[in-house]
Amino acid sequence: MPVNSSTLNKVVAKFKNDLKYRQTYRNPQKNAGLLSRKVETISEERPVTQPSFVVAVDFDGTCVTHEFPKVGKDCPHAVDVLKEMVAAGAGIVLFTMRHGQYLDQAVSWFAERDIPLYGVQTNPTQARWTGSNKCYANVYIDDAALGCPLTQDESISKRPFVDWLEVDKLLRKHDWFMESIVS
């Protein structure tokens, strides 16, 4: 689905600003005044609705096949399952090793597929209650994670990638779609 380049540029610029904000204001205790003003500004521009659960998702080998620095092919069923998670109340946080223009490419991938991101590299609400650099999420989906279901299809990629049909089954089995786990 083609995306208007002006819209795409605005989306990328917004996430760059959010990322710059997170990199600048990592210590909520030290920057309490600045932090509270900045959070209010972000909330006015893009109200953050608390999702029922947060899913941190890697990019290469998870959403797309491994072809870094290029963006790989869509992993089968990734888009459908990600959209279903969002429809069920999940907030998706892009949590990847990509940075700079490569991170912009990953953010654009989500925008081009109409998958809204709740955050990039961090949960947007966590600065209110922690100074930790680790992204807070209820679930992490990453091809490098122990236990994450992988598949391999030589016609798509020489390296294994996330099996999104199995991820979907796991999420349903553990009722991640059914109950709110964020208090």
Protein backbone atom coordinates (compact mmCIF):
# COMPACT_ATOMS: atom_id res chain seq x y z
CA MET A 1 0.00 0.00 0.00
CA PRO A 2 1.67 3.26 -1.12
CA VAL A 3 2.11 5.96 1.50
CA ASN A 4 2.18 9.68 0.75
CA SER A 5 5.82 10.78 1.15
CA SER A 6 4.79 13.87 3.11
CA THR A 7 2.89 11.72 5.61
CA LEU A 8 5.77 9.29 5.86
CA ASN A 9 8.25 12.12 6.49
CA LYS A 10 6.02 13.45 9.29
CA VAL A 11 5.81 9.99 10.91
CA VAL A 12 9.58 9.51 10.72
CA ALA A 13 10.20 13.05 12.06
CA LYS A 14 7.84 12.43 15.00
CA PHE A 15 9.60 9.20 15.95
CA LYS A 16 13.02 10.87 15.56
CA ASN A 17 11.86 13.59 17.96
CA ASP A 18 10.54 11.00 20.40
CA LEU A 19 13.82 9.08 20.17
CA LYS A 20 15.87 12.27 20.68
CA TYR A 21 13.68 13.06 23.70
CA ARG A 22 14.26 9.62 25.22
CA GLN A 23 18.01 9.84 24.63
CA THR A 24 18.17 13.33 26.18
CA TYR A 25 15.95 12.75 29.22
CA ARG A 26 16.96 9.30 30.45
CA ASN A 27 17.16 10.24 34.14
CA PRO A 28 13.68 11.18 35.40
CA GLN A 29 14.93 12.12 38.89
CA LYS A 30 17.63 14.50 37.59
CA ASN A 31 15.39 16.09 34.95
CA ALA A 32 12.04 15.99 36.79
CA GLY A 33 10.90 19.47 35.74
CA LEU A 34 12.01 19.12 32.12
CA LEU A 35 10.64 15.60 31.94
CA SER A 36 7.14 16.48 33.16
CA ARG A 37 6.90 19.43 30.73
CA LYS A 38 8.14 17.27 27.84
CA VAL A 39 5.71 14.41 28.63
CA GLU A 40 2.81 16.89 28.69
CA THR A 41 3.90 18.27 25.30
CA ILE A 42 4.13 14.80 23.77
CA SER A 43 0.75 13.89 25.23
CA GLU A 44 -0.86 17.00 23.72
CA GLU A 45 0.64 16.28 20.29
CA ARG A 46 0.01 12.55 20.32
CA PRO A 47 -2.13 11.39 23.20
CA VAL A 48 -0.73 8.16 24.57
CA THR A 49 -3.51 5.73 25.34
CA GLN A 50 -2.39 3.06 27.76
CA PRO A 51 -2.60 -0.24 25.87
CA SER A 52 -3.87 -3.35 27.60
CA PHE A 53 -0.44 -4.91 27.07
CA VAL A 54 2.87 -3.88 25.52
CA VAL A 55 4.77 -6.00 23.02
CA ALA A 56 8.40 -5.16 22.21
CA VAL A 57 9.17 -6.38 18.70
CA ASP A 58 12.57 -6.75 17.06
CA PHE A 59 12.82 -5.94 13.35
CA ASP A 60 15.45 -7.93 11.40
CA GLY A 61 14.67 -11.64 11.51
CA THR A 62 11.40 -10.88 13.27
CA CYS A 63 9.26 -8.60 11.11
CA VAL A 64 11.44 -8.92 8.02
CA THR A 65 14.08 -11.40 6.88
CA HIS A 66 17.74 -10.74 7.67
CA GLU A 67 19.12 -8.48 4.94
CA PHE A 68 20.62 -5.64 6.99
CA PRO A 69 21.46 -2.91 6.10
CA LYS A 70 18.61 -3.28 3.60
CA VAL A 71 15.08 -3.97 4.77
CA GLY A 72 14.37 -7.64 4.15
CA LYS A 73 11.24 -9.30 2.88
CA ASP A 74 8.19 -9.33 5.14
CA CYS A 75 8.19 -12.43 7.33
CA PRO A 76 5.10 -14.47 6.46
CA HIS A 77 2.07 -13.50 8.57
CA ALA A 78 3.99 -10.83 10.54
CA VAL A 79 1.83 -7.96 9.30
CA ASP A 80 -1.44 -9.82 9.96
CA VAL A 81 -0.48 -10.87 13.49
CA LEU A 82 0.90 -7.43 14.39
CA LYS A 83 -2.30 -5.76 13.18
CA GLU A 84 -4.37 -8.28 15.11
CA MET A 85 -2.38 -7.57 18.28
CA VAL A 86 -2.98 -3.83 17.89
CA ALA A 87 -6.70 -4.42 17.26
CA ALA A 88 -6.80 -6.50 20.47
CA GLY A 89 -5.35 -3.58 22.48
CA ALA A 90 -1.59 -4.14 22.28
CA GLY A 91 0.89 -1.31 22.10
CA ILE A 92 3.74 -2.27 19.76
CA VAL A 93 7.21 -0.98 20.64
CA LEU A 94 9.84 -1.33 17.93
CA PHE A 95 12.87 -2.62 19.86
CA THR A 96 15.80 -3.11 17.51
CA MET A 97 19.56 -2.69 17.15
CA ARG A 98 18.93 -0.42 14.15
CA HIS A 99 19.77 3.26 14.59
CA GLY A 100 19.93 6.43 12.50
CA GLN A 101 18.72 6.04 8.92
CA TYR A 102 18.37 2.29 9.42
CA LEU A 103 15.97 2.85 12.31
CA ASP A 104 14.06 5.32 10.13
CA GLN A 105 13.67 2.56 7.53
CA ALA A 106 12.21 0.22 10.15
CA VAL A 107 9.78 2.88 11.41
CA SER A 108 8.75 3.52 7.80
CA TRP A 109 8.10 -0.20 7.32
CA PHE A 110 5.46 -0.08 10.07
CA ALA A 111 3.91 3.15 8.70
CA GLU A 112 3.73 1.76 5.17
CA ARG A 113 1.80 -1.25 6.48
CA ASP A 114 -0.53 0.82 8.67
CA ILE A 115 0.75 -0.74 11.89
CA PRO A 116 0.76 1.96 14.57
CA LEU A 117 3.73 2.02 16.90
CA TYR A 118 3.24 2.78 20.57
CA GLY A 119 6.95 3.50 20.91
CA VAL A 120 10.36 3.23 19.31
CA GLN A 121 13.16 1.65 21.38
CA THR A 122 11.30 2.34 24.65
CA ASN A 123 7.86 2.29 26.21
CA PRO A 124 6.71 5.95 26.11
CA THR A 125 5.29 5.83 29.65
CA GLN A 126 8.20 4.21 31.45
CA ALA A 127 10.10 7.47 32.04
CA ARG A 128 7.36 8.34 34.51
CA TRP A 129 8.28 5.46 36.80
CA THR A 130 11.82 4.28 35.97
CA GLY A 131 15.16 5.56 34.81
CA SER A 132 16.05 2.21 33.26
CA ASN A 133 17.24 2.09 29.66
CA LYS A 134 15.60 -1.31 29.09
CA CYS A 135 12.31 -1.12 27.24
CA TYR A 136 9.47 -2.26 29.48
CA ALA A 137 7.07 -4.69 27.81
CA ASN A 138 4.88 -7.59 28.80
CA VAL A 139 6.11 -9.69 25.86
CA TYR A 140 9.28 -9.53 23.75
CA ILE A 141 9.23 -11.04 20.26
CA ASP A 142 12.74 -11.44 18.87
CA ASP A 143 14.30 -14.06 16.63
CA ALA A 144 17.29 -14.14 18.99
CA ALA A 145 15.18 -14.85 22.07
CA LEU A 146 15.35 -18.29 23.61
CA GLY A 147 12.07 -20.07 22.91
CA CYS A 148 10.83 -17.75 20.17
CA PRO A 149 9.37 -19.98 17.45
CA LEU A 150 11.41 -19.84 14.25
CA THR A 151 10.90 -21.18 10.78
CA GLN A 152 13.07 -21.38 7.71
CA ASP A 153 12.15 -21.12 4.06
CA GLU A 154 15.17 -21.09 1.74
CA SER A 155 13.07 -19.43 -0.98
CA ILE A 156 12.63 -16.39 1.31
CA SER A 157 15.83 -16.32 3.38
CA LYS A 158 18.88 -18.42 4.11
CA ARG A 159 18.53 -17.61 7.81
CA PRO A 160 15.70 -18.63 10.13
CA PHE A 161 13.09 -16.01 11.01
CA VAL A 162 10.14 -15.71 13.41
CA ASP A 163 7.23 -18.06 12.75
CA TRP A 164 4.32 -15.67 13.26
CA LEU A 165 1.65 -18.37 13.08
CA GLU A 166 3.27 -20.05 16.10
CA VAL A 167 3.65 -16.69 17.87
CA ASP A 168 -0.07 -16.11 17.34
CA LYS A 169 -0.85 -19.55 18.83
CA LEU A 170 1.35 -18.84 21.88
CA LEU A 171 -0.28 -15.46 22.49
CA ARG A 172 -3.75 -17.03 22.34
CA LYS A 173 -2.73 -20.02 24.46
CA HIS A 174 -1.57 -17.71 27.23
CA ASP A 175 -4.57 -15.37 26.87
CA TRP A 176 -2.49 -12.33 25.95
CA PHE A 177 -5.33 -11.28 23.66
CA MET A 178 -7.97 -11.87 26.29
CA GLU A 179 -6.98 -10.07 29.46
CA SER A 180 -5.37 -6.81 30.45
CA ILE A 181 -2.09 -7.42 32.22
CA VAL A 182 -1.07 -3.78 32.70
CA SER A 183 -2.49 -2.42 35.94
